[in-house]
Amino acid sequence: MAVSGLYGTETVDAVSKSSTTSSVGVVSETVKVTATDATDYDSWLAHLAVVVPLSSKLAIQGVAWTGANLDAYQAGIGQGVNTTAKTEIGAKGGYLQLTANATEKLTLGAGYGLDDPDDGDLGKGARTLNSRVYGNAVYALTPNASVGVEVSQIETEYKEQASADAQRVAFSGTLRF
């Protein structure tokens, strides 16, 4: 079991970005502050992670979290501050996964996860819920190298708009050193 958290503040200034390409193809980007915001927005997180072995080959693990202004930590579905309302966007979420060591080299997993911003903090058209069901397999090539594949069904809901679905297949390679 692990418990963690964070606290910080952020100022959100409006910026404009422009890029130029040199004659040899080098792209340079310039960022200019166009309006300053005197408000500091709190960023905080409370996080709990648990792994429970069910047998020598089977475990259930999960994470639960809650906080505000978490876009920099890949939570809140990428939404941290509502600059119109001048407020932090609260969010909560987590996942639950069943993991099975099918063989000495093959591990299988299946789970469900969600990221749920506080709808009251969001404007029209904002993302209100991301949920995902997934299954994965990781095969150990050596004790220090593995490859994997994951298949996901993802649904994103929006405030006052239709939801969107996506199917994703991701491949991975891991080298431990």
N, C-alpha and C. Protein backbone atom coordinates (compact mmCIF):
# COMPACT_ATOMS: atom_id res chain seq x y z
N MET A 1 0.85 -1.17 0.00
CA MET A 1 0.00 0.00 0.00
C MET A 1 0.90 1.24 0.00
N ALA A 2 0.47 2.25 -0.72
CA ALA A 2 1.22 3.51 -0.76
C ALA A 2 0.23 4.66 -0.67
N VAL A 3 0.61 5.67 0.07
CA VAL A 3 -0.17 6.90 0.20
C VAL A 3 0.74 8.05 -0.20
N SER A 4 0.24 8.94 -1.04
CA SER A 4 1.06 10.09 -1.44
C SER A 4 0.16 11.28 -1.69
N GLY A 5 0.77 12.41 -1.92
CA GLY A 5 0.02 13.62 -2.21
C GLY A 5 0.94 14.72 -2.68
N LEU A 6 0.33 15.84 -3.01
CA LEU A 6 1.11 17.00 -3.42
C LEU A 6 0.30 18.27 -3.18
N TYR A 7 1.02 19.37 -3.09
CA TYR A 7 0.38 20.69 -3.02
C TYR A 7 1.29 21.68 -3.73
N GLY A 8 0.70 22.57 -4.50
CA GLY A 8 1.45 23.61 -5.18
C GLY A 8 0.51 24.71 -5.62
N THR A 9 1.06 25.74 -6.24
CA THR A 9 0.25 26.81 -6.81
C THR A 9 0.71 27.07 -8.24
N GLU A 10 -0.20 27.66 -9.01
CA GLU A 10 0.07 27.93 -10.42
C GLU A 10 -0.58 29.25 -10.80
N THR A 11 0.09 30.02 -11.63
CA THR A 11 -0.49 31.21 -12.23
C THR A 11 -0.65 30.93 -13.71
N VAL A 12 -1.83 31.24 -14.24
CA VAL A 12 -2.14 30.93 -15.64
C VAL A 12 -2.18 32.24 -16.42
N ASP A 13 -1.14 32.50 -17.22
CA ASP A 13 -1.10 33.68 -18.07
C ASP A 13 -1.52 33.30 -19.49
N ALA A 14 -2.13 34.24 -20.19
CA ALA A 14 -2.47 34.01 -21.60
C ALA A 14 -1.21 34.24 -22.43
N VAL A 15 -0.97 33.36 -23.39
CA VAL A 15 0.21 33.47 -24.24
C VAL A 15 -0.17 33.31 -25.70
N SER A 16 0.70 33.82 -26.55
CA SER A 16 0.58 33.54 -27.98
C SER A 16 1.88 32.87 -28.40
N LYS A 17 1.74 31.93 -29.33
CA LYS A 17 2.91 31.19 -29.80
C LYS A 17 3.05 31.42 -31.30
N SER A 18 4.28 31.55 -31.73
CA SER A 18 4.55 31.64 -33.16
C SER A 18 5.81 30.83 -33.44
N SER A 19 5.89 30.33 -34.65
CA SER A 19 7.07 29.56 -35.01
C SER A 19 7.60 30.03 -36.36
N THR A 20 8.89 29.91 -36.50
CA THR A 20 9.55 30.25 -37.76
C THR A 20 10.45 29.09 -38.15
N THR A 21 10.64 28.94 -39.44
CA THR A 21 11.51 27.88 -39.96
C THR A 21 12.66 28.53 -40.71
N SER A 22 13.88 28.18 -40.32
CA SER A 22 15.06 28.75 -40.98
C SER A 22 15.24 28.13 -42.36
N SER A 23 16.17 28.67 -43.12
CA SER A 23 16.42 28.18 -44.47
C SER A 23 16.93 26.74 -44.48
N VAL A 24 17.47 26.26 -43.34
CA VAL A 24 17.96 24.88 -43.27
C VAL A 24 16.95 23.95 -42.59
N GLY A 25 15.74 24.46 -42.33
CA GLY A 25 14.67 23.63 -41.79
C GLY A 25 14.57 23.57 -40.29
N VAL A 26 15.31 24.39 -39.55
CA VAL A 26 15.23 24.40 -38.10
C VAL A 26 14.03 25.25 -37.68
N VAL A 27 13.15 24.66 -36.87
CA VAL A 27 11.95 25.35 -36.42
C VAL A 27 12.22 25.96 -35.05
N SER A 28 11.93 27.25 -34.90
CA SER A 28 12.06 27.95 -33.63
C SER A 28 10.68 28.42 -33.20
N GLU A 29 10.37 28.23 -31.92
CA GLU A 29 9.08 28.67 -31.41
C GLU A 29 9.30 29.81 -30.43
N THR A 30 8.47 30.85 -30.54
CA THR A 30 8.50 31.98 -29.64
C THR A 30 7.19 32.02 -28.87
N VAL A 31 7.29 32.17 -27.55
CA VAL A 31 6.11 32.27 -26.70
C VAL A 31 6.12 33.65 -26.07
N LYS A 32 5.00 34.37 -26.21
CA LYS A 32 4.90 35.72 -25.67
C LYS A 32 3.69 35.81 -24.75
N VAL A 33 3.87 36.34 -23.54
CA VAL A 33 2.76 36.54 -22.61
C VAL A 33 1.94 37.72 -23.12
N THR A 34 0.63 37.47 -23.34
CA THR A 34 -0.24 38.53 -23.86
C THR A 34 -1.14 39.12 -22.79
N ALA A 35 -1.37 38.40 -21.71
CA ALA A 35 -2.17 38.91 -20.59
C ALA A 35 -1.76 38.15 -19.34
N THR A 36 -1.50 38.88 -18.26
CA THR A 36 -1.11 38.24 -17.01
C THR A 36 -2.33 38.03 -16.13
N ASP A 37 -2.28 36.99 -15.33
CA ASP A 37 -3.35 36.66 -14.40
C ASP A 37 -2.76 36.77 -13.00
N ALA A 38 -3.30 37.63 -12.18
CA ALA A 38 -2.76 37.85 -10.84
C ALA A 38 -3.20 36.76 -9.86
N THR A 39 -4.08 35.87 -10.28
CA THR A 39 -4.61 34.84 -9.40
C THR A 39 -3.67 33.64 -9.34
N ASP A 40 -3.41 33.16 -8.13
CA ASP A 40 -2.69 31.90 -7.95
C ASP A 40 -3.73 30.80 -7.73
N TYR A 41 -3.60 29.71 -8.47
CA TYR A 41 -4.53 28.59 -8.36
C TYR A 41 -3.85 27.45 -7.62
N ASP A 42 -4.55 26.88 -6.64
CA ASP A 42 -4.01 25.75 -5.89
C ASP A 42 -4.03 24.49 -6.74
N SER A 43 -3.02 23.67 -6.55
CA SER A 43 -2.95 22.35 -7.16
C SER A 43 -2.68 21.37 -6.02
N TRP A 44 -3.55 20.37 -5.86
CA TRP A 44 -3.35 19.41 -4.78
C TRP A 44 -3.83 18.02 -5.20
N LEU A 45 -3.30 17.01 -4.53
CA LEU A 45 -3.65 15.63 -4.84
C LEU A 45 -3.49 14.77 -3.59
N ALA A 46 -4.47 13.88 -3.36
CA ALA A 46 -4.36 12.81 -2.37
C ALA A 46 -4.48 11.50 -3.15
N HIS A 47 -3.58 10.55 -2.90
CA HIS A 47 -3.43 9.36 -3.75
C HIS A 47 -3.23 8.12 -2.88
N LEU A 48 -3.95 7.05 -3.19
CA LEU A 48 -3.81 5.78 -2.49
C LEU A 48 -3.64 4.67 -3.52
N ALA A 49 -2.63 3.82 -3.34
CA ALA A 49 -2.40 2.68 -4.23
C ALA A 49 -2.29 1.41 -3.39
N VAL A 50 -2.94 0.34 -3.86
CA VAL A 50 -2.97 -0.92 -3.11
C VAL A 50 -2.76 -2.08 -4.07
N VAL A 51 -1.95 -3.05 -3.65
CA VAL A 51 -1.79 -4.32 -4.36
C VAL A 51 -2.12 -5.43 -3.35
N VAL A 52 -3.07 -6.30 -3.71
CA VAL A 52 -3.48 -7.39 -2.84
C VAL A 52 -3.25 -8.72 -3.56
N PRO A 53 -2.26 -9.51 -3.12
CA PRO A 53 -2.08 -10.83 -3.73
C PRO A 53 -3.25 -11.74 -3.36
N LEU A 54 -3.85 -12.39 -4.36
CA LEU A 54 -4.94 -13.33 -4.11
C LEU A 54 -4.42 -14.77 -4.07
N SER A 55 -3.32 -15.01 -4.76
CA SER A 55 -2.64 -16.31 -4.77
C SER A 55 -1.22 -16.06 -5.27
N SER A 56 -0.47 -17.13 -5.49
CA SER A 56 0.90 -16.95 -5.99
C SER A 56 0.92 -16.46 -7.43
N LYS A 57 -0.20 -16.60 -8.16
CA LYS A 57 -0.25 -16.19 -9.57
C LYS A 57 -1.26 -15.08 -9.86
N LEU A 58 -2.03 -14.66 -8.88
CA LEU A 58 -3.13 -13.73 -9.11
C LEU A 58 -3.09 -12.59 -8.09
N ALA A 59 -3.29 -11.36 -8.58
CA ALA A 59 -3.32 -10.19 -7.69
C ALA A 59 -4.34 -9.20 -8.20
N ILE A 60 -4.89 -8.43 -7.28
CA ILE A 60 -5.75 -7.31 -7.64
C ILE A 60 -5.04 -6.06 -7.16
N GLN A 61 -5.04 -5.03 -7.99
CA GLN A 61 -4.39 -3.79 -7.61
C GLN A 61 -5.27 -2.62 -8.02
N GLY A 62 -5.11 -1.53 -7.32
CA GLY A 62 -5.91 -0.37 -7.65
C GLY A 62 -5.30 0.90 -7.13
N VAL A 63 -5.80 1.99 -7.69
CA VAL A 63 -5.40 3.34 -7.30
C VAL A 63 -6.67 4.17 -7.18
N ALA A 64 -6.74 4.99 -6.15
CA ALA A 64 -7.82 5.97 -6.01
C ALA A 64 -7.16 7.31 -5.72
N TRP A 65 -7.68 8.38 -6.32
CA TRP A 65 -7.11 9.70 -6.12
C TRP A 65 -8.20 10.77 -6.18
N THR A 66 -7.91 11.90 -5.58
CA THR A 66 -8.77 13.07 -5.67
C THR A 66 -7.89 14.31 -5.57
N GLY A 67 -8.34 15.40 -6.17
CA GLY A 67 -7.54 16.62 -6.11
C GLY A 67 -8.13 17.71 -6.97
N ALA A 68 -7.32 18.73 -7.24
CA ALA A 68 -7.74 19.86 -8.07
C ALA A 68 -6.55 20.40 -8.84
N ASN A 69 -6.84 20.95 -10.03
CA ASN A 69 -5.82 21.54 -10.90
C ASN A 69 -4.71 20.53 -11.19
N LEU A 70 -5.11 19.40 -11.77
CA LEU A 70 -4.18 18.28 -11.95
C LEU A 70 -3.80 18.02 -13.40
N ASP A 71 -4.04 18.97 -14.29
CA ASP A 71 -3.71 18.73 -15.70
C ASP A 71 -2.23 18.46 -15.91
N ALA A 72 -1.36 19.08 -15.14
CA ALA A 72 0.08 18.86 -15.28
C ALA A 72 0.49 17.45 -14.85
N TYR A 73 -0.41 16.74 -14.17
CA TYR A 73 -0.15 15.38 -13.69
C TYR A 73 -0.99 14.35 -14.45
N GLN A 74 -1.47 14.74 -15.62
CA GLN A 74 -2.27 13.88 -16.51
C GLN A 74 -3.53 13.38 -15.83
N ALA A 75 -4.20 14.26 -15.09
CA ALA A 75 -5.48 13.94 -14.47
C ALA A 75 -6.44 15.10 -14.74
N GLY A 76 -7.71 14.91 -14.43
CA GLY A 76 -8.71 15.93 -14.76
C GLY A 76 -8.97 15.99 -16.25
N ILE A 77 -8.61 14.94 -16.96
CA ILE A 77 -8.71 14.84 -18.43
C ILE A 77 -8.04 16.04 -19.09
N GLY A 78 -6.89 16.43 -18.56
CA GLY A 78 -6.13 17.52 -19.15
C GLY A 78 -6.68 18.90 -18.85
N GLN A 79 -7.56 19.02 -17.86
CA GLN A 79 -8.19 20.30 -17.52
C GLN A 79 -7.81 20.65 -16.08
N GLY A 80 -7.17 21.79 -15.88
CA GLY A 80 -6.72 22.16 -14.55
C GLY A 80 -7.40 23.38 -13.97
N VAL A 81 -7.57 24.42 -14.80
CA VAL A 81 -8.14 25.69 -14.34
C VAL A 81 -9.21 26.13 -15.32
N ASN A 82 -10.36 26.54 -14.79
CA ASN A 82 -11.39 27.18 -15.60
C ASN A 82 -11.07 28.67 -15.56
N THR A 83 -10.44 29.19 -16.61
CA THR A 83 -9.99 30.58 -16.61
C THR A 83 -11.15 31.56 -16.72
N THR A 84 -12.30 31.13 -17.24
CA THR A 84 -13.48 32.00 -17.28
C THR A 84 -14.04 32.20 -15.88
N ALA A 85 -14.21 31.10 -15.14
CA ALA A 85 -14.75 31.16 -13.78
C ALA A 85 -13.67 31.47 -12.75
N LYS A 86 -12.39 31.45 -13.17
CA LYS A 86 -11.24 31.69 -12.28
C LYS A 86 -11.26 30.75 -11.07
N THR A 87 -11.38 29.45 -11.38
CA THR A 87 -11.39 28.44 -10.32
C THR A 87 -10.65 27.18 -10.77
N GLU A 88 -10.11 26.47 -9.80
CA GLU A 88 -9.47 25.19 -10.07
C GLU A 88 -10.55 24.17 -10.45
N ILE A 89 -10.20 23.23 -11.29
CA ILE A 89 -11.11 22.15 -11.66
C ILE A 89 -10.78 20.94 -10.79
N GLY A 90 -11.74 20.56 -9.95
CA GLY A 90 -11.58 19.39 -9.11
C GLY A 90 -11.76 18.12 -9.93
N ALA A 91 -11.16 17.03 -9.49
CA ALA A 91 -11.30 15.76 -10.20
C ALA A 91 -11.01 14.61 -9.24
N LYS A 92 -11.55 13.44 -9.61
CA LYS A 92 -11.28 12.23 -8.85
C LYS A 92 -11.22 11.07 -9.84
N GLY A 93 -10.59 9.99 -9.43
CA GLY A 93 -10.52 8.86 -10.34
C GLY A 93 -9.71 7.72 -9.78
N GLY A 94 -9.37 6.80 -10.67
CA GLY A 94 -8.57 5.66 -10.27
C GLY A 94 -8.76 4.51 -11.23
N TYR A 95 -8.24 3.36 -10.83
CA TYR A 95 -8.42 2.15 -11.63
C TYR A 95 -8.38 0.93 -10.71
N LEU A 96 -8.93 -0.16 -11.22
CA LEU A 96 -8.89 -1.45 -10.56
C LEU A 96 -8.46 -2.47 -11.61
N GLN A 97 -7.45 -3.29 -11.30
CA GLN A 97 -6.91 -4.23 -12.28
C GLN A 97 -6.67 -5.59 -11.65
N LEU A 98 -7.02 -6.63 -12.38
CA LEU A 98 -6.71 -8.00 -12.00
C LEU A 98 -5.52 -8.44 -12.84
N THR A 99 -4.47 -8.96 -12.19
CA THR A 99 -3.25 -9.37 -12.88
C THR A 99 -3.00 -10.85 -12.61
N ALA A 100 -2.70 -11.59 -13.69
CA ALA A 100 -2.43 -13.03 -13.56
C ALA A 100 -1.09 -13.36 -14.19
N ASN A 101 -0.24 -14.05 -13.44
CA ASN A 101 1.01 -14.57 -13.98
C ASN A 101 0.68 -15.91 -14.63
N ALA A 102 0.34 -15.87 -15.92
CA ALA A 102 -0.12 -17.07 -16.63
C ALA A 102 0.98 -18.11 -16.73
N THR A 103 2.20 -17.66 -17.01
CA THR A 103 3.37 -18.54 -17.03
C THR A 103 4.51 -17.76 -16.40
N GLU A 104 5.68 -18.37 -16.37
CA GLU A 104 6.84 -17.67 -15.81
C GLU A 104 7.19 -16.42 -16.61
N LYS A 105 6.85 -16.41 -17.90
CA LYS A 105 7.21 -15.28 -18.76
C LYS A 105 6.03 -14.42 -19.19
N LEU A 106 4.80 -14.88 -19.03
CA LEU A 106 3.62 -14.17 -19.53
C LEU A 106 2.74 -13.69 -18.39
N THR A 107 2.47 -12.37 -18.37
CA THR A 107 1.56 -11.77 -17.40
C THR A 107 0.38 -11.17 -18.15
N LEU A 108 -0.83 -11.47 -17.68
CA LEU A 108 -2.05 -10.95 -18.28
C LEU A 108 -2.74 -10.02 -17.29
N GLY A 109 -3.39 -8.98 -17.81
CA GLY A 109 -4.11 -8.05 -16.95
C GLY A 109 -5.40 -7.59 -17.60
N ALA A 110 -6.38 -7.24 -16.76
CA ALA A 110 -7.63 -6.67 -17.23
C ALA A 110 -8.10 -5.68 -16.18
N GLY A 111 -8.67 -4.56 -16.63
CA GLY A 111 -9.08 -3.58 -15.65
C GLY A 111 -10.04 -2.54 -16.18
N TYR A 112 -10.38 -1.64 -15.27
CA TYR A 112 -11.28 -0.52 -15.55
C TYR A 112 -10.72 0.70 -14.85
N GLY A 113 -10.73 1.85 -15.54
CA GLY A 113 -10.26 3.09 -14.93
C GLY A 113 -11.15 4.25 -15.31
N LEU A 114 -11.11 5.29 -14.49
CA LEU A 114 -11.88 6.50 -14.80
C LEU A 114 -11.17 7.74 -14.30
N ASP A 115 -11.48 8.85 -14.95
CA ASP A 115 -11.00 10.19 -14.61
C ASP A 115 -12.24 11.08 -14.67
N ASP A 116 -12.66 11.63 -13.53
CA ASP A 116 -13.96 12.29 -13.41
C ASP A 116 -13.83 13.70 -12.84
N PRO A 117 -13.68 14.72 -13.71
CA PRO A 117 -13.65 16.10 -13.23
C PRO A 117 -15.00 16.51 -12.63
N ASP A 118 -14.98 17.49 -11.74
CA ASP A 118 -16.19 18.02 -11.12
C ASP A 118 -16.96 18.84 -12.15
N ASP A 119 -18.13 18.35 -12.57
CA ASP A 119 -18.91 19.02 -13.62
C ASP A 119 -19.22 20.47 -13.29
N GLY A 120 -19.39 20.80 -12.02
CA GLY A 120 -19.70 22.17 -11.62
C GLY A 120 -18.56 23.15 -11.86
N ASP A 121 -17.35 22.63 -12.04
CA ASP A 121 -16.18 23.48 -12.31
C ASP A 121 -15.95 23.70 -13.80
N LEU A 122 -16.75 23.04 -14.64
CA LEU A 122 -16.49 23.01 -16.08
C LEU A 122 -17.45 23.87 -16.88
N GLY A 123 -16.98 24.39 -18.00
CA GLY A 123 -17.81 25.12 -18.93
C GLY A 123 -18.43 24.17 -19.95
N LYS A 124 -19.36 24.69 -20.74
CA LYS A 124 -20.05 23.91 -21.78
C LYS A 124 -19.02 23.33 -22.75
N GLY A 125 -19.21 22.06 -23.11
CA GLY A 125 -18.33 21.40 -24.06
C GLY A 125 -17.09 20.78 -23.45
N ALA A 126 -16.86 21.00 -22.15
CA ALA A 126 -15.67 20.45 -21.50
C ALA A 126 -15.83 18.94 -21.29
N ARG A 127 -14.72 18.24 -21.15
CA ARG A 127 -14.73 16.80 -20.91
C ARG A 127 -15.15 16.54 -19.46
N THR A 128 -16.21 15.71 -19.28
CA THR A 128 -16.74 15.46 -17.94
C THR A 128 -16.39 14.08 -17.38
N LEU A 129 -16.03 13.13 -18.23
CA LEU A 129 -15.69 11.80 -17.75
C LEU A 129 -14.91 11.05 -18.82
N ASN A 130 -13.82 10.45 -18.42
CA ASN A 130 -13.09 9.50 -19.26
C ASN A 130 -13.18 8.16 -18.54
N SER A 131 -13.61 7.12 -19.24
CA SER A 131 -13.60 5.79 -18.65
C SER A 131 -13.01 4.82 -19.66
N ARG A 132 -12.40 3.76 -19.13
CA ARG A 132 -11.72 2.84 -20.04
C ARG A 132 -11.72 1.44 -19.46
N VAL A 133 -12.02 0.48 -20.32
CA VAL A 133 -11.90 -0.94 -20.03
C VAL A 133 -10.73 -1.44 -20.86
N TYR A 134 -9.86 -2.25 -20.27
CA TYR A 134 -8.67 -2.66 -21.01
C TYR A 134 -8.23 -4.07 -20.63
N GLY A 135 -7.47 -4.65 -21.53
CA GLY A 135 -6.81 -5.93 -21.29
C GLY A 135 -5.40 -5.84 -21.85
N ASN A 136 -4.45 -6.49 -21.17
CA ASN A 136 -3.08 -6.42 -21.65
C ASN A 136 -2.33 -7.72 -21.42
N ALA A 137 -1.23 -7.85 -22.12
CA ALA A 137 -0.34 -9.00 -21.97
C ALA A 137 1.09 -8.50 -22.07
N VAL A 138 1.95 -8.99 -21.17
CA VAL A 138 3.37 -8.64 -21.18
C VAL A 138 4.16 -9.95 -21.17
N TYR A 139 5.10 -10.05 -22.11
CA TYR A 139 5.92 -11.25 -22.24
C TYR A 139 7.38 -10.89 -21.95
N ALA A 140 7.99 -11.60 -21.01
CA ALA A 140 9.39 -11.37 -20.65
C ALA A 140 10.30 -12.10 -21.63
N LEU A 141 11.04 -11.35 -22.42
CA LEU A 141 12.02 -11.94 -23.34
C LEU A 141 13.23 -12.44 -22.58
N THR A 142 13.66 -11.64 -21.61
CA THR A 142 14.77 -11.96 -20.71
C THR A 142 14.36 -11.41 -19.34
N PRO A 143 15.16 -11.63 -18.30
CA PRO A 143 14.82 -11.01 -17.01
C PRO A 143 14.78 -9.47 -17.06
N ASN A 144 15.44 -8.87 -18.07
CA ASN A 144 15.51 -7.40 -18.14
C ASN A 144 14.81 -6.80 -19.35
N ALA A 145 14.19 -7.60 -20.19
CA ALA A 145 13.54 -7.07 -21.39
C ALA A 145 12.18 -7.74 -21.58
N SER A 146 11.18 -6.92 -21.91
CA SER A 146 9.84 -7.46 -22.14
C SER A 146 9.15 -6.67 -23.25
N VAL A 147 8.13 -7.30 -23.82
CA VAL A 147 7.28 -6.65 -24.81
C VAL A 147 5.84 -6.83 -24.36
N GLY A 148 4.98 -5.90 -24.78
CA GLY A 148 3.59 -5.99 -24.35
C GLY A 148 2.64 -5.42 -25.38
N VAL A 149 1.37 -5.73 -25.17
CA VAL A 149 0.29 -5.19 -25.99
C VAL A 149 -0.90 -4.93 -25.06
N GLU A 150 -1.62 -3.84 -25.34
CA GLU A 150 -2.82 -3.52 -24.58
C GLU A 150 -3.92 -3.08 -25.53
N VAL A 151 -5.12 -3.57 -25.30
CA VAL A 151 -6.30 -3.19 -26.07
C VAL A 151 -7.25 -2.47 -25.12
N SER A 152 -7.73 -1.28 -25.53
CA SER A 152 -8.60 -0.46 -24.67
C SER A 152 -9.85 -0.02 -25.41
N GLN A 153 -10.94 0.06 -24.68
CA GLN A 153 -12.17 0.70 -25.13
C GLN A 153 -12.34 1.93 -24.24
N ILE A 154 -12.33 3.12 -24.84
CA ILE A 154 -12.34 4.36 -24.08
C ILE A 154 -13.59 5.15 -24.44
N GLU A 155 -14.24 5.73 -23.42
CA GLU A 155 -15.38 6.61 -23.66
C GLU A 155 -15.11 7.94 -22.97
N THR A 156 -15.34 9.03 -23.70
CA THR A 156 -15.22 10.37 -23.14
C THR A 156 -16.58 11.04 -23.22
N GLU A 157 -17.05 11.55 -22.08
CA GLU A 157 -18.31 12.28 -22.03
C GLU A 157 -18.02 13.77 -21.93
N TYR A 158 -18.93 14.57 -22.51
CA TYR A 158 -18.76 16.02 -22.56
C TYR A 158 -19.97 16.70 -21.93
N LYS A 159 -19.75 17.88 -21.38
CA LYS A 159 -20.84 18.66 -20.79
C LYS A 159 -21.71 19.22 -21.90
N GLU A 160 -22.97 18.82 -21.91
CA GLU A 160 -23.98 19.31 -22.86
C GLU A 160 -23.66 18.96 -24.30
N GLN A 161 -22.91 17.88 -24.53
CA GLN A 161 -22.60 17.41 -25.88
C GLN A 161 -22.58 15.88 -25.89
N ALA A 162 -22.61 15.31 -27.08
CA ALA A 162 -22.57 13.86 -27.22
C ALA A 162 -21.21 13.30 -26.79
N SER A 163 -21.21 12.07 -26.32
CA SER A 163 -19.96 11.43 -25.92
C SER A 163 -19.22 10.87 -27.14
N ALA A 164 -17.98 10.48 -26.93
CA ALA A 164 -17.15 9.93 -28.00
C ALA A 164 -16.50 8.64 -27.51
N ASP A 165 -16.36 7.69 -28.42
CA ASP A 165 -15.73 6.40 -28.11
C ASP A 165 -14.46 6.24 -28.93
N ALA A 166 -13.53 5.48 -28.39
CA ALA A 166 -12.31 5.16 -29.13
C ALA A 166 -11.85 3.77 -28.75
N GLN A 167 -11.26 3.10 -29.69
CA GLN A 167 -10.61 1.82 -29.43
C GLN A 167 -9.12 2.04 -29.69
N ARG A 168 -8.32 1.51 -28.79
CA ARG A 168 -6.88 1.75 -28.91
C ARG A 168 -6.12 0.44 -28.71
N VAL A 169 -5.11 0.25 -29.53
CA VAL A 169 -4.17 -0.85 -29.36
C VAL A 169 -2.79 -0.22 -29.19
N ALA A 170 -2.12 -0.55 -28.10
CA ALA A 170 -0.80 0.02 -27.82
C ALA A 170 0.21 -1.12 -27.64
N PHE A 171 1.38 -0.93 -28.19
CA PHE A 171 2.46 -1.89 -28.06
C PHE A 171 3.56 -1.26 -27.22
N SER A 172 4.28 -2.07 -26.45
CA SER A 172 5.34 -1.52 -25.61
C SER A 172 6.55 -2.44 -25.60
N GLY A 173 7.67 -1.84 -25.30
CA GLY A 173 8.91 -2.57 -25.08
C GLY A 173 9.56 -1.98 -23.85
N THR A 174 10.06 -2.82 -22.96
CA THR A 174 10.67 -2.35 -21.72
C THR A 174 12.05 -2.97 -21.57
N LEU A 175 13.01 -2.13 -21.23
CA LEU A 175 14.36 -2.58 -20.94
C LEU A 175 14.72 -2.07 -19.55
N ARG A 176 14.96 -2.97 -18.62
CA ARG A 176 15.31 -2.59 -17.25
C ARG A 176 16.83 -2.63 -17.08
N PHE A 177 17.37 -1.58 -16.49
CA PHE A 177 18.81 -1.56 -16.24
C PHE A 177 19.10 -0.81 -14.96
